[in-house]
């Protein structure tokens, strides 16, 4: 399968690229600058802005699926809109290119998972630091849900670096969730697995250890 990865130079995006290549997929990475992608050997690197529908169309040529691991700004005082703008460009670009599978990384605390991040996250980090970033993620999720794409929205808990454990919990019953952690490497593996399965199609699984 040929997959376009957005956010490929980020901490989780790099792991997604490596895992996808290891599993035999062909990978296209749309990046702002090739200079920021020296450690993605094996991937086809294309320069462009993920908010530019034309750049997305070029990158989507021949692709079968898209993985979005784009991050958003973390301004505590002003609105951010990178994910909103990129998603509003991506959905029509995918439709025009005939690509239907989208796996998108969001976060625990977005949408109907708000209030399930644990006491410190919900009472301190969210209102003081992440409020605008999570609004952007919420708008991204809403746009994807409203589309006709075959989507999976993945909501990891607090991301940490380090090796994968090889096991995780994918949960959609929010009543049982009150924060938690997950390694980026475990998230990357789960996300790549969604390219070839419909287990979580049009669902928003939370990933935790």
N, C-alpha and C. Protein backbone atom coordinates (compact mmCIF):
# COMPACT_ATOMS: atom_id res chain seq x y z
N UNK A 1 0.84 -1.19 0.00
CA UNK A 1 0.00 0.00 0.00
C UNK A 1 0.88 1.25 0.00
N UNK A 2 0.45 2.25 -0.73
CA UNK A 2 1.19 3.51 -0.76
C UNK A 2 0.44 4.52 0.11
N UNK A 3 1.14 5.10 1.09
CA UNK A 3 0.48 5.95 2.07
C UNK A 3 1.18 7.31 2.16
N UNK A 4 0.38 8.36 2.23
CA UNK A 4 0.89 9.70 2.47
C UNK A 4 0.87 9.97 3.97
N UNK A 5 2.00 10.38 4.51
CA UNK A 5 2.10 10.71 5.93
C UNK A 5 2.27 12.22 6.08
N UNK A 6 1.37 12.85 6.81
CA UNK A 6 1.48 14.26 7.15
C UNK A 6 2.00 14.36 8.58
N UNK A 7 2.89 15.32 8.82
CA UNK A 7 3.51 15.42 10.13
C UNK A 7 4.64 14.42 10.30
N UNK A 8 5.26 14.03 9.20
CA UNK A 8 6.27 12.96 9.22
C UNK A 8 7.54 13.34 9.94
N UNK A 9 7.79 14.63 10.15
CA UNK A 9 9.02 15.04 10.84
C UNK A 9 8.82 15.20 12.34
N UNK A 10 7.61 14.98 12.83
CA UNK A 10 7.35 15.07 14.26
C UNK A 10 7.78 13.82 15.00
N UNK A 11 7.70 13.87 16.32
CA UNK A 11 8.16 12.75 17.13
C UNK A 11 7.43 11.46 16.84
N UNK A 12 6.11 11.51 16.67
CA UNK A 12 5.34 10.32 16.34
C UNK A 12 5.37 10.05 14.85
N UNK A 13 5.36 11.09 14.04
CA UNK A 13 5.36 10.93 12.59
C UNK A 13 6.56 10.16 12.07
N UNK A 14 7.74 10.44 12.63
CA UNK A 14 8.93 9.71 12.20
C UNK A 14 8.80 8.22 12.47
N UNK A 15 8.23 7.88 13.62
CA UNK A 15 8.05 6.47 13.97
C UNK A 15 7.02 5.82 13.05
N UNK A 16 6.00 6.56 12.66
CA UNK A 16 5.01 6.05 11.73
C UNK A 16 5.66 5.71 10.39
N UNK A 17 6.49 6.62 9.89
CA UNK A 17 7.17 6.38 8.62
C UNK A 17 8.01 5.12 8.69
N UNK A 18 8.82 4.99 9.75
CA UNK A 18 9.70 3.83 9.88
C UNK A 18 8.88 2.54 9.99
N UNK A 19 7.80 2.57 10.78
CA UNK A 19 7.00 1.36 10.97
C UNK A 19 6.29 0.97 9.67
N UNK A 20 5.77 1.96 8.95
CA UNK A 20 5.09 1.67 7.69
C UNK A 20 6.05 1.05 6.68
N UNK A 21 7.27 1.58 6.61
CA UNK A 21 8.26 1.03 5.69
C UNK A 21 8.65 -0.39 6.08
N UNK A 22 8.80 -0.63 7.38
CA UNK A 22 9.14 -1.97 7.85
C UNK A 22 8.06 -2.98 7.50
N UNK A 23 6.82 -2.53 7.46
CA UNK A 23 5.71 -3.42 7.14
C UNK A 23 5.48 -3.56 5.63
N UNK A 24 6.35 -2.95 4.84
CA UNK A 24 6.30 -3.13 3.40
C UNK A 24 5.49 -2.11 2.64
N UNK A 25 5.01 -1.06 3.32
CA UNK A 25 4.27 -0.02 2.63
C UNK A 25 5.23 0.95 1.93
N UNK A 26 4.75 1.59 0.89
CA UNK A 26 5.48 2.70 0.28
C UNK A 26 5.00 3.98 0.96
N UNK A 27 5.93 4.88 1.29
CA UNK A 27 5.59 6.06 2.07
C UNK A 27 5.97 7.34 1.32
N UNK A 28 5.02 8.25 1.26
CA UNK A 28 5.25 9.62 0.78
C UNK A 28 5.11 10.53 1.99
N UNK A 29 6.08 11.40 2.19
CA UNK A 29 6.03 12.34 3.32
C UNK A 29 5.98 13.76 2.77
N UNK A 30 4.91 14.48 3.08
CA UNK A 30 4.81 15.88 2.70
C UNK A 30 5.36 16.72 3.85
N UNK A 31 6.44 17.45 3.59
CA UNK A 31 7.13 18.20 4.64
C UNK A 31 7.33 19.64 4.19
N UNK A 32 7.45 20.53 5.17
CA UNK A 32 7.68 21.94 4.84
C UNK A 32 9.06 22.14 4.23
N UNK A 33 10.04 21.35 4.68
CA UNK A 33 11.42 21.50 4.19
C UNK A 33 12.11 20.14 4.21
N UNK A 34 12.74 19.78 3.09
CA UNK A 34 13.48 18.52 3.04
C UNK A 34 14.64 18.51 4.02
N UNK A 35 15.13 19.69 4.38
CA UNK A 35 16.24 19.77 5.33
C UNK A 35 15.84 19.24 6.70
N UNK A 36 14.54 19.20 6.99
CA UNK A 36 14.07 18.71 8.28
C UNK A 36 13.78 17.22 8.26
N UNK A 37 14.04 16.56 7.13
CA UNK A 37 13.70 15.14 7.00
C UNK A 37 14.90 14.29 6.57
N UNK A 38 16.06 14.47 7.23
CA UNK A 38 17.23 13.70 6.80
C UNK A 38 17.20 12.25 7.27
N UNK A 39 16.38 11.94 8.27
CA UNK A 39 16.39 10.60 8.84
C UNK A 39 15.13 9.82 8.48
N UNK A 40 14.64 10.03 7.25
CA UNK A 40 13.49 9.28 6.75
C UNK A 40 13.88 8.51 5.49
N UNK A 41 14.95 7.71 5.56
CA UNK A 41 15.39 6.97 4.38
C UNK A 41 14.33 5.97 3.93
N UNK A 42 14.13 5.92 2.63
CA UNK A 42 13.14 5.02 2.09
C UNK A 42 11.82 5.68 1.77
N UNK A 43 11.59 6.86 2.34
CA UNK A 43 10.35 7.60 2.06
C UNK A 43 10.57 8.56 0.90
N UNK A 44 9.53 8.78 0.13
CA UNK A 44 9.54 9.77 -0.95
C UNK A 44 9.18 11.12 -0.33
N UNK A 45 10.15 12.03 -0.28
CA UNK A 45 9.96 13.31 0.40
C UNK A 45 9.49 14.36 -0.60
N UNK A 46 8.37 14.99 -0.30
CA UNK A 46 7.83 16.05 -1.15
C UNK A 46 7.67 17.31 -0.30
N UNK A 47 8.20 18.42 -0.79
CA UNK A 47 8.07 19.68 -0.06
C UNK A 47 6.71 20.31 -0.35
N UNK A 48 6.11 20.85 0.68
CA UNK A 48 4.85 21.54 0.49
C UNK A 48 4.17 21.81 1.82
N UNK A 49 3.16 22.63 1.78
CA UNK A 49 2.39 23.01 2.96
C UNK A 49 1.15 22.15 3.03
N UNK A 50 0.91 21.51 4.18
CA UNK A 50 -0.25 20.63 4.34
C UNK A 50 -1.57 21.39 4.27
N UNK A 51 -1.53 22.72 4.30
CA UNK A 51 -2.74 23.52 4.17
C UNK A 51 -3.04 23.89 2.73
N UNK A 52 -2.16 23.47 1.81
CA UNK A 52 -2.26 23.82 0.40
C UNK A 52 -2.85 22.63 -0.36
N UNK A 53 -4.06 22.77 -0.85
CA UNK A 53 -4.71 21.65 -1.54
C UNK A 53 -3.91 21.20 -2.75
N UNK A 54 -3.26 22.15 -3.44
CA UNK A 54 -2.45 21.79 -4.60
C UNK A 54 -1.28 20.90 -4.21
N UNK A 55 -0.60 21.25 -3.11
CA UNK A 55 0.52 20.44 -2.64
C UNK A 55 0.05 19.06 -2.22
N UNK A 56 -1.11 19.00 -1.58
CA UNK A 56 -1.67 17.72 -1.17
C UNK A 56 -2.02 16.87 -2.38
N UNK A 57 -2.56 17.48 -3.42
CA UNK A 57 -2.89 16.74 -4.63
C UNK A 57 -1.64 16.12 -5.24
N UNK A 58 -0.55 16.87 -5.27
CA UNK A 58 0.69 16.34 -5.82
C UNK A 58 1.18 15.15 -4.99
N UNK A 59 1.11 15.28 -3.68
CA UNK A 59 1.61 14.24 -2.80
C UNK A 59 0.72 13.00 -2.82
N UNK A 60 -0.56 13.15 -3.11
CA UNK A 60 -1.52 12.05 -3.09
C UNK A 60 -1.47 11.18 -4.34
N UNK A 61 -0.73 11.59 -5.34
CA UNK A 61 -0.68 10.83 -6.58
C UNK A 61 -0.30 9.37 -6.35
N UNK A 62 -1.18 8.45 -6.70
CA UNK A 62 -0.89 7.03 -6.57
C UNK A 62 -1.07 6.47 -5.17
N UNK A 63 -1.48 7.29 -4.21
CA UNK A 63 -1.61 6.82 -2.83
C UNK A 63 -2.93 6.09 -2.61
N UNK A 64 -2.92 5.22 -1.61
CA UNK A 64 -4.10 4.46 -1.23
C UNK A 64 -4.70 4.92 0.09
N UNK A 65 -3.92 5.66 0.88
CA UNK A 65 -4.38 6.06 2.21
C UNK A 65 -3.55 7.24 2.70
N UNK A 66 -4.06 7.88 3.76
CA UNK A 66 -3.36 9.01 4.38
C UNK A 66 -3.31 8.77 5.89
N UNK A 67 -2.15 9.05 6.48
CA UNK A 67 -2.02 9.12 7.93
C UNK A 67 -1.66 10.55 8.29
N UNK A 68 -2.43 11.16 9.17
CA UNK A 68 -2.12 12.51 9.63
C UNK A 68 -1.66 12.48 11.07
N UNK A 69 -0.41 12.88 11.28
CA UNK A 69 0.11 13.04 12.64
C UNK A 69 0.54 14.48 12.86
N UNK A 70 -0.14 15.39 12.17
CA UNK A 70 0.18 16.81 12.29
C UNK A 70 -0.02 17.28 13.73
N UNK A 71 0.90 18.10 14.18
CA UNK A 71 0.73 18.76 15.47
C UNK A 71 0.13 20.13 15.26
N UNK A 72 -0.22 20.77 16.35
CA UNK A 72 -0.80 22.11 16.27
C UNK A 72 -0.03 23.05 17.19
N UNK A 73 -0.25 24.33 17.04
CA UNK A 73 0.42 25.29 17.90
C UNK A 73 -0.05 25.18 19.33
N UNK A 74 0.76 25.66 20.27
CA UNK A 74 0.43 25.54 21.68
C UNK A 74 0.28 26.90 22.36
N UNK A 75 -0.20 27.89 21.62
CA UNK A 75 -0.35 29.22 22.19
C UNK A 75 -1.42 29.20 23.28
N UNK A 76 -1.10 29.65 24.51
CA UNK A 76 -2.11 29.69 25.56
C UNK A 76 -3.03 30.90 25.48
N UNK A 77 -2.71 31.85 24.58
CA UNK A 77 -3.46 33.11 24.59
C UNK A 77 -4.18 33.41 23.28
N UNK A 78 -3.84 32.74 22.19
CA UNK A 78 -4.47 33.07 20.92
C UNK A 78 -4.90 31.81 20.19
N UNK A 79 -5.85 31.99 19.28
CA UNK A 79 -6.37 30.86 18.51
C UNK A 79 -5.29 30.27 17.61
N UNK A 80 -5.35 28.97 17.40
CA UNK A 80 -4.50 28.30 16.43
C UNK A 80 -5.41 27.55 15.47
N UNK A 81 -4.96 27.37 14.23
CA UNK A 81 -5.87 26.81 13.23
C UNK A 81 -5.18 25.90 12.21
N UNK A 82 -3.95 25.49 12.47
CA UNK A 82 -3.23 24.68 11.50
C UNK A 82 -4.01 23.41 11.14
N UNK A 83 -4.49 22.68 12.14
CA UNK A 83 -5.18 21.42 11.87
C UNK A 83 -6.49 21.65 11.14
N UNK A 84 -7.20 22.70 11.52
CA UNK A 84 -8.46 23.02 10.86
C UNK A 84 -8.22 23.31 9.38
N UNK A 85 -7.25 24.16 9.10
CA UNK A 85 -6.96 24.55 7.72
C UNK A 85 -6.46 23.36 6.91
N UNK A 86 -5.56 22.57 7.50
CA UNK A 86 -5.01 21.42 6.78
C UNK A 86 -6.09 20.39 6.47
N UNK A 87 -6.99 20.17 7.41
CA UNK A 87 -8.04 19.18 7.20
C UNK A 87 -9.04 19.65 6.15
N UNK A 88 -9.35 20.93 6.15
CA UNK A 88 -10.28 21.46 5.14
C UNK A 88 -9.66 21.42 3.75
N UNK A 89 -8.35 21.39 3.65
CA UNK A 89 -7.69 21.21 2.35
C UNK A 89 -7.55 19.73 2.01
N UNK A 90 -7.31 18.90 3.02
CA UNK A 90 -7.05 17.48 2.78
C UNK A 90 -8.29 16.73 2.30
N UNK A 91 -9.43 16.99 2.90
CA UNK A 91 -10.63 16.22 2.57
C UNK A 91 -11.00 16.34 1.09
N UNK A 92 -11.09 17.55 0.53
CA UNK A 92 -11.39 17.62 -0.91
C UNK A 92 -10.26 17.08 -1.78
N UNK A 93 -9.01 17.23 -1.34
CA UNK A 93 -7.89 16.68 -2.11
C UNK A 93 -7.98 15.16 -2.17
N UNK A 94 -8.31 14.53 -1.04
CA UNK A 94 -8.48 13.08 -1.03
C UNK A 94 -9.65 12.67 -1.92
N UNK A 95 -10.74 13.39 -1.83
CA UNK A 95 -11.90 13.06 -2.65
C UNK A 95 -11.57 13.15 -4.13
N UNK A 96 -10.88 14.21 -4.52
CA UNK A 96 -10.52 14.39 -5.92
C UNK A 96 -9.51 13.35 -6.39
N UNK A 97 -8.68 12.85 -5.48
CA UNK A 97 -7.66 11.86 -5.82
C UNK A 97 -8.17 10.43 -5.72
N UNK A 98 -9.39 10.25 -5.24
CA UNK A 98 -9.94 8.92 -5.11
C UNK A 98 -9.37 8.13 -3.95
N UNK A 99 -8.87 8.83 -2.93
CA UNK A 99 -8.30 8.19 -1.74
C UNK A 99 -9.31 8.31 -0.61
N UNK A 100 -9.69 7.19 0.00
CA UNK A 100 -10.76 7.24 0.99
C UNK A 100 -10.32 6.95 2.42
N UNK A 101 -9.19 6.26 2.61
CA UNK A 101 -8.80 5.86 3.98
C UNK A 101 -7.94 6.95 4.63
N UNK A 102 -8.42 7.45 5.77
CA UNK A 102 -7.69 8.46 6.55
C UNK A 102 -7.59 8.00 7.99
N UNK A 103 -6.37 7.90 8.48
CA UNK A 103 -6.12 7.61 9.89
C UNK A 103 -5.50 8.87 10.49
N UNK A 104 -6.17 9.44 11.47
CA UNK A 104 -5.75 10.73 12.02
C UNK A 104 -5.48 10.61 13.51
N UNK A 105 -4.35 11.14 13.95
CA UNK A 105 -4.04 11.17 15.37
C UNK A 105 -4.58 12.46 15.98
N UNK A 106 -5.44 12.32 16.94
CA UNK A 106 -5.98 13.44 17.71
C UNK A 106 -5.40 13.33 19.12
N UNK A 107 -6.23 13.39 20.15
CA UNK A 107 -5.71 13.29 21.52
C UNK A 107 -6.84 13.02 22.50
N UNK A 108 -6.53 12.33 23.57
CA UNK A 108 -7.47 12.20 24.68
C UNK A 108 -7.74 13.59 25.25
N UNK A 109 -9.01 13.93 25.41
CA UNK A 109 -9.40 15.26 25.86
C UNK A 109 -10.11 16.06 24.80
N UNK A 110 -10.13 15.52 23.56
CA UNK A 110 -10.79 16.20 22.46
C UNK A 110 -12.22 15.67 22.33
N UNK A 111 -13.13 16.55 21.92
CA UNK A 111 -14.50 16.13 21.65
C UNK A 111 -15.17 15.54 22.87
N UNK A 112 -15.83 14.40 22.69
CA UNK A 112 -16.57 13.81 23.79
C UNK A 112 -15.66 13.14 24.82
N UNK A 113 -14.34 13.14 24.57
CA UNK A 113 -13.40 12.64 25.59
C UNK A 113 -12.93 13.76 26.52
N UNK A 114 -13.45 14.96 26.34
CA UNK A 114 -13.12 16.08 27.23
C UNK A 114 -13.52 15.73 28.66
N UNK A 115 -12.62 16.01 29.61
CA UNK A 115 -12.89 15.71 31.00
C UNK A 115 -12.43 14.33 31.44
N UNK A 116 -11.78 13.59 30.54
CA UNK A 116 -11.32 12.24 30.87
C UNK A 116 -9.80 12.15 30.88
N UNK A 117 -9.13 13.29 30.99
CA UNK A 117 -7.67 13.30 30.94
C UNK A 117 -6.99 13.16 32.29
N UNK A 118 -7.75 13.08 33.36
CA UNK A 118 -7.17 13.03 34.69
C UNK A 118 -7.20 14.41 35.34
N UNK A 119 -7.12 14.45 36.67
CA UNK A 119 -7.32 15.70 37.41
C UNK A 119 -6.34 16.79 36.99
N UNK A 120 -5.04 16.51 36.97
CA UNK A 120 -4.04 17.54 36.66
C UNK A 120 -4.22 18.05 35.24
N UNK A 121 -4.41 17.12 34.30
CA UNK A 121 -4.57 17.53 32.90
C UNK A 121 -5.83 18.38 32.73
N UNK A 122 -6.95 17.90 33.25
CA UNK A 122 -8.23 18.58 33.04
C UNK A 122 -8.31 19.93 33.75
N UNK A 123 -7.68 20.03 34.92
CA UNK A 123 -7.82 21.25 35.73
C UNK A 123 -6.69 22.26 35.50
N UNK A 124 -5.52 21.80 35.04
CA UNK A 124 -4.38 22.69 34.88
C UNK A 124 -3.92 22.82 33.43
N UNK A 125 -3.43 21.72 32.86
CA UNK A 125 -2.86 21.79 31.52
C UNK A 125 -3.86 22.23 30.47
N UNK A 126 -5.05 21.66 30.50
CA UNK A 126 -6.05 22.00 29.49
C UNK A 126 -6.43 23.48 29.54
N UNK A 127 -6.91 24.02 30.65
CA UNK A 127 -7.35 25.42 30.63
C UNK A 127 -6.22 26.43 30.51
N UNK A 128 -5.04 26.10 31.03
CA UNK A 128 -3.96 27.07 31.05
C UNK A 128 -3.07 27.04 29.81
N UNK A 129 -2.87 25.87 29.21
CA UNK A 129 -1.90 25.74 28.12
C UNK A 129 -2.49 25.22 26.81
N UNK A 130 -3.48 24.35 26.88
CA UNK A 130 -3.88 23.58 25.71
C UNK A 130 -5.26 23.92 25.17
N UNK A 131 -5.91 24.89 25.76
CA UNK A 131 -7.30 25.17 25.39
C UNK A 131 -7.46 25.45 23.90
N UNK A 132 -6.63 26.31 23.35
CA UNK A 132 -6.76 26.67 21.93
C UNK A 132 -6.32 25.53 21.03
N UNK A 133 -5.27 24.82 21.41
CA UNK A 133 -4.79 23.70 20.61
C UNK A 133 -5.86 22.61 20.52
N UNK A 134 -6.56 22.37 21.62
CA UNK A 134 -7.57 21.31 21.61
C UNK A 134 -8.84 21.75 20.90
N UNK A 135 -9.10 23.04 20.86
CA UNK A 135 -10.20 23.52 20.02
C UNK A 135 -9.90 23.25 18.56
N UNK A 136 -8.64 23.47 18.17
CA UNK A 136 -8.21 23.18 16.80
C UNK A 136 -8.38 21.69 16.49
N UNK A 137 -7.97 20.84 17.41
CA UNK A 137 -8.14 19.40 17.24
C UNK A 137 -9.63 19.04 17.15
N UNK A 138 -10.45 19.70 17.94
CA UNK A 138 -11.87 19.44 17.90
C UNK A 138 -12.49 19.77 16.55
N UNK A 139 -12.08 20.90 15.99
CA UNK A 139 -12.57 21.28 14.65
C UNK A 139 -12.09 20.29 13.60
N UNK A 140 -10.85 19.82 13.76
CA UNK A 140 -10.33 18.81 12.84
C UNK A 140 -11.17 17.54 12.89
N UNK A 141 -11.44 17.07 14.10
CA UNK A 141 -12.25 15.86 14.25
C UNK A 141 -13.64 16.05 13.64
N UNK A 142 -14.26 17.19 13.89
CA UNK A 142 -15.61 17.43 13.38
C UNK A 142 -15.64 17.40 11.85
N UNK A 143 -14.63 17.97 11.21
CA UNK A 143 -14.57 17.98 9.75
C UNK A 143 -14.41 16.57 9.20
N UNK A 144 -13.58 15.78 9.86
CA UNK A 144 -13.37 14.40 9.41
C UNK A 144 -14.64 13.58 9.58
N UNK A 145 -15.30 13.73 10.73
CA UNK A 145 -16.54 12.99 10.98
C UNK A 145 -17.62 13.34 9.95
N UNK A 146 -17.66 14.59 9.52
CA UNK A 146 -18.69 15.04 8.58
C UNK A 146 -18.39 14.62 7.15
N UNK A 147 -17.20 14.11 6.90
CA UNK A 147 -16.80 13.73 5.55
C UNK A 147 -17.32 12.33 5.22
N UNK A 148 -17.17 11.96 3.96
CA UNK A 148 -17.56 10.62 3.51
C UNK A 148 -16.36 9.67 3.49
N UNK A 149 -15.24 10.07 4.09
CA UNK A 149 -14.03 9.25 4.08
C UNK A 149 -14.18 8.03 4.98
N UNK A 150 -13.35 7.04 4.73
CA UNK A 150 -13.24 5.89 5.62
C UNK A 150 -12.20 6.24 6.68
N UNK A 151 -12.65 6.84 7.77
CA UNK A 151 -11.72 7.43 8.73
C UNK A 151 -11.63 6.63 10.02
N UNK A 152 -10.47 6.77 10.65
CA UNK A 152 -10.25 6.34 12.03
C UNK A 152 -9.56 7.49 12.73
N UNK A 153 -10.13 7.97 13.83
CA UNK A 153 -9.52 9.02 14.63
C UNK A 153 -8.96 8.39 15.89
N UNK A 154 -7.65 8.47 16.06
CA UNK A 154 -6.98 7.83 17.19
C UNK A 154 -6.68 8.88 18.25
N UNK A 155 -7.09 8.59 19.49
CA UNK A 155 -6.89 9.53 20.59
C UNK A 155 -5.94 8.93 21.63
N UNK A 156 -4.64 9.15 21.49
CA UNK A 156 -3.71 8.63 22.50
C UNK A 156 -3.77 9.43 23.79
N UNK A 157 -3.42 8.77 24.88
CA UNK A 157 -3.24 9.47 26.14
C UNK A 157 -1.95 10.27 26.08
N UNK A 158 -1.41 10.63 27.23
CA UNK A 158 -0.18 11.43 27.27
C UNK A 158 0.94 10.68 26.55
N UNK A 159 1.51 11.31 25.53
CA UNK A 159 2.56 10.68 24.74
C UNK A 159 3.90 10.77 25.45
N UNK A 160 4.60 9.64 25.48
CA UNK A 160 5.94 9.62 26.05
C UNK A 160 6.89 8.96 25.07
N UNK A 161 8.17 9.27 25.18
CA UNK A 161 9.19 8.65 24.35
C UNK A 161 9.64 7.34 24.98
N UNK A 162 10.36 6.56 24.22
CA UNK A 162 10.83 5.29 24.74
C UNK A 162 10.33 4.14 23.89
N UNK A 163 10.78 2.94 24.19
CA UNK A 163 10.41 1.78 23.37
C UNK A 163 8.95 1.40 23.52
N UNK A 164 8.44 0.75 22.50
CA UNK A 164 7.07 0.25 22.55
C UNK A 164 6.99 -0.93 23.51
N UNK A 165 5.87 -1.04 24.20
CA UNK A 165 5.63 -2.21 25.03
C UNK A 165 5.08 -3.37 24.23
N UNK A 166 4.48 -3.03 23.07
CA UNK A 166 3.90 -4.08 22.25
C UNK A 166 2.49 -4.45 22.64
N UNK A 167 1.98 -3.80 23.67
CA UNK A 167 0.59 -4.04 24.08
C UNK A 167 -0.01 -2.72 24.51
N UNK A 168 -1.29 -2.55 24.23
CA UNK A 168 -1.99 -1.32 24.61
C UNK A 168 -3.47 -1.63 24.73
N UNK A 169 -4.21 -0.67 25.26
CA UNK A 169 -5.66 -0.78 25.33
C UNK A 169 -6.26 0.24 24.36
N UNK A 170 -7.11 -0.22 23.46
CA UNK A 170 -7.87 0.66 22.59
C UNK A 170 -9.30 0.69 23.12
N UNK A 171 -9.75 1.85 23.58
CA UNK A 171 -10.98 1.95 24.36
C UNK A 171 -11.92 2.98 23.73
N UNK A 172 -13.18 2.63 23.60
CA UNK A 172 -14.17 3.59 23.14
C UNK A 172 -15.20 3.91 24.22
N UNK A 173 -15.20 3.13 25.30
CA UNK A 173 -16.10 3.38 26.42
C UNK A 173 -15.46 4.42 27.34
N UNK A 174 -15.85 5.67 27.18
CA UNK A 174 -15.19 6.76 27.90
C UNK A 174 -15.43 6.71 29.40
N UNK A 175 -16.46 6.01 29.84
CA UNK A 175 -16.77 5.96 31.27
C UNK A 175 -15.62 5.36 32.08
N UNK A 176 -14.80 4.54 31.44
CA UNK A 176 -13.72 3.86 32.15
C UNK A 176 -12.39 4.60 32.06
N UNK A 177 -12.38 5.79 31.46
CA UNK A 177 -11.13 6.49 31.18
C UNK A 177 -10.95 7.69 32.10
N UNK A 178 -9.77 7.77 32.72
CA UNK A 178 -9.44 8.93 33.55
C UNK A 178 -7.94 9.20 33.43
N UNK A 179 -7.51 9.53 32.22
CA UNK A 179 -6.11 9.82 31.97
C UNK A 179 -5.30 8.56 31.74
N UNK A 180 -4.01 8.75 31.46
CA UNK A 180 -3.12 7.64 31.21
C UNK A 180 -2.07 8.00 30.19
N UNK A 181 -1.09 7.10 30.01
CA UNK A 181 0.04 7.35 29.13
C UNK A 181 0.12 6.27 28.06
N UNK A 182 0.90 6.59 27.02
CA UNK A 182 1.16 5.64 25.94
C UNK A 182 2.44 6.08 25.22
N UNK A 183 3.24 5.14 24.80
CA UNK A 183 4.47 5.47 24.07
C UNK A 183 4.15 5.82 22.63
N UNK A 184 4.88 6.78 22.10
CA UNK A 184 4.71 7.16 20.70
C UNK A 184 4.90 5.94 19.79
N UNK A 185 5.84 5.07 20.15
CA UNK A 185 6.12 3.90 19.32
C UNK A 185 4.92 2.97 19.26
N UNK A 186 4.20 2.81 20.37
CA UNK A 186 2.99 1.98 20.37
C UNK A 186 1.89 2.63 19.53
N UNK A 187 1.77 3.94 19.62
CA UNK A 187 0.78 4.65 18.82
C UNK A 187 1.09 4.48 17.34
N UNK A 188 2.36 4.62 16.97
CA UNK A 188 2.75 4.48 15.57
C UNK A 188 2.37 3.11 15.02
N UNK A 189 2.63 2.07 15.79
CA UNK A 189 2.29 0.72 15.34
C UNK A 189 0.79 0.56 15.15
N UNK A 190 0.02 1.06 16.11
CA UNK A 190 -1.43 0.96 16.02
C UNK A 190 -1.96 1.69 14.80
N UNK A 191 -1.45 2.89 14.58
CA UNK A 191 -1.91 3.71 13.46
C UNK A 191 -1.64 3.01 12.13
N UNK A 192 -0.45 2.47 11.97
CA UNK A 192 -0.11 1.80 10.72
C UNK A 192 -0.99 0.56 10.53
N UNK A 193 -1.31 -0.12 11.59
CA UNK A 193 -2.19 -1.30 11.49
C UNK A 193 -3.56 -0.94 10.94
N UNK A 194 -4.01 0.30 11.18
CA UNK A 194 -5.35 0.71 10.74
C UNK A 194 -5.45 0.88 9.23
N UNK A 195 -4.33 0.83 8.54
CA UNK A 195 -4.36 0.92 7.08
C UNK A 195 -5.01 -0.31 6.46
N UNK A 196 -4.93 -1.43 7.17
CA UNK A 196 -5.34 -2.71 6.56
C UNK A 196 -6.46 -3.40 7.34
N UNK A 197 -7.13 -2.70 8.21
CA UNK A 197 -8.22 -3.31 8.97
C UNK A 197 -9.37 -2.32 9.14
N UNK A 198 -10.58 -2.87 9.24
CA UNK A 198 -11.76 -2.02 9.48
C UNK A 198 -12.26 -2.12 10.91
N UNK A 199 -11.45 -2.67 11.80
CA UNK A 199 -11.87 -2.89 13.18
C UNK A 199 -12.38 -1.61 13.83
N UNK A 200 -11.68 -0.50 13.58
CA UNK A 200 -12.03 0.76 14.24
C UNK A 200 -12.55 1.79 13.24
N UNK A 201 -13.07 1.33 12.11
CA UNK A 201 -13.56 2.24 11.08
C UNK A 201 -14.65 3.16 11.62
N UNK A 202 -14.47 4.46 11.39
CA UNK A 202 -15.38 5.51 11.85
C UNK A 202 -15.62 5.47 13.36
N UNK A 203 -14.55 5.18 14.08
CA UNK A 203 -14.58 5.21 15.53
C UNK A 203 -13.40 6.05 16.03
N UNK A 204 -13.43 6.36 17.33
CA UNK A 204 -12.39 7.21 17.94
C UNK A 204 -11.77 6.50 19.14
N UNK A 205 -11.00 5.45 18.93
CA UNK A 205 -10.43 4.72 20.06
C UNK A 205 -9.40 5.55 20.82
N UNK A 206 -9.48 5.49 22.14
CA UNK A 206 -8.46 6.07 23.02
C UNK A 206 -7.39 5.01 23.25
N UNK A 207 -6.12 5.39 23.13
CA UNK A 207 -5.02 4.45 23.32
C UNK A 207 -4.32 4.73 24.64
N UNK A 208 -4.23 3.70 25.48
CA UNK A 208 -3.57 3.80 26.79
C UNK A 208 -2.83 2.50 27.06
N UNK A 209 -1.86 2.55 27.96
CA UNK A 209 -1.25 1.32 28.45
C UNK A 209 -2.18 0.67 29.46
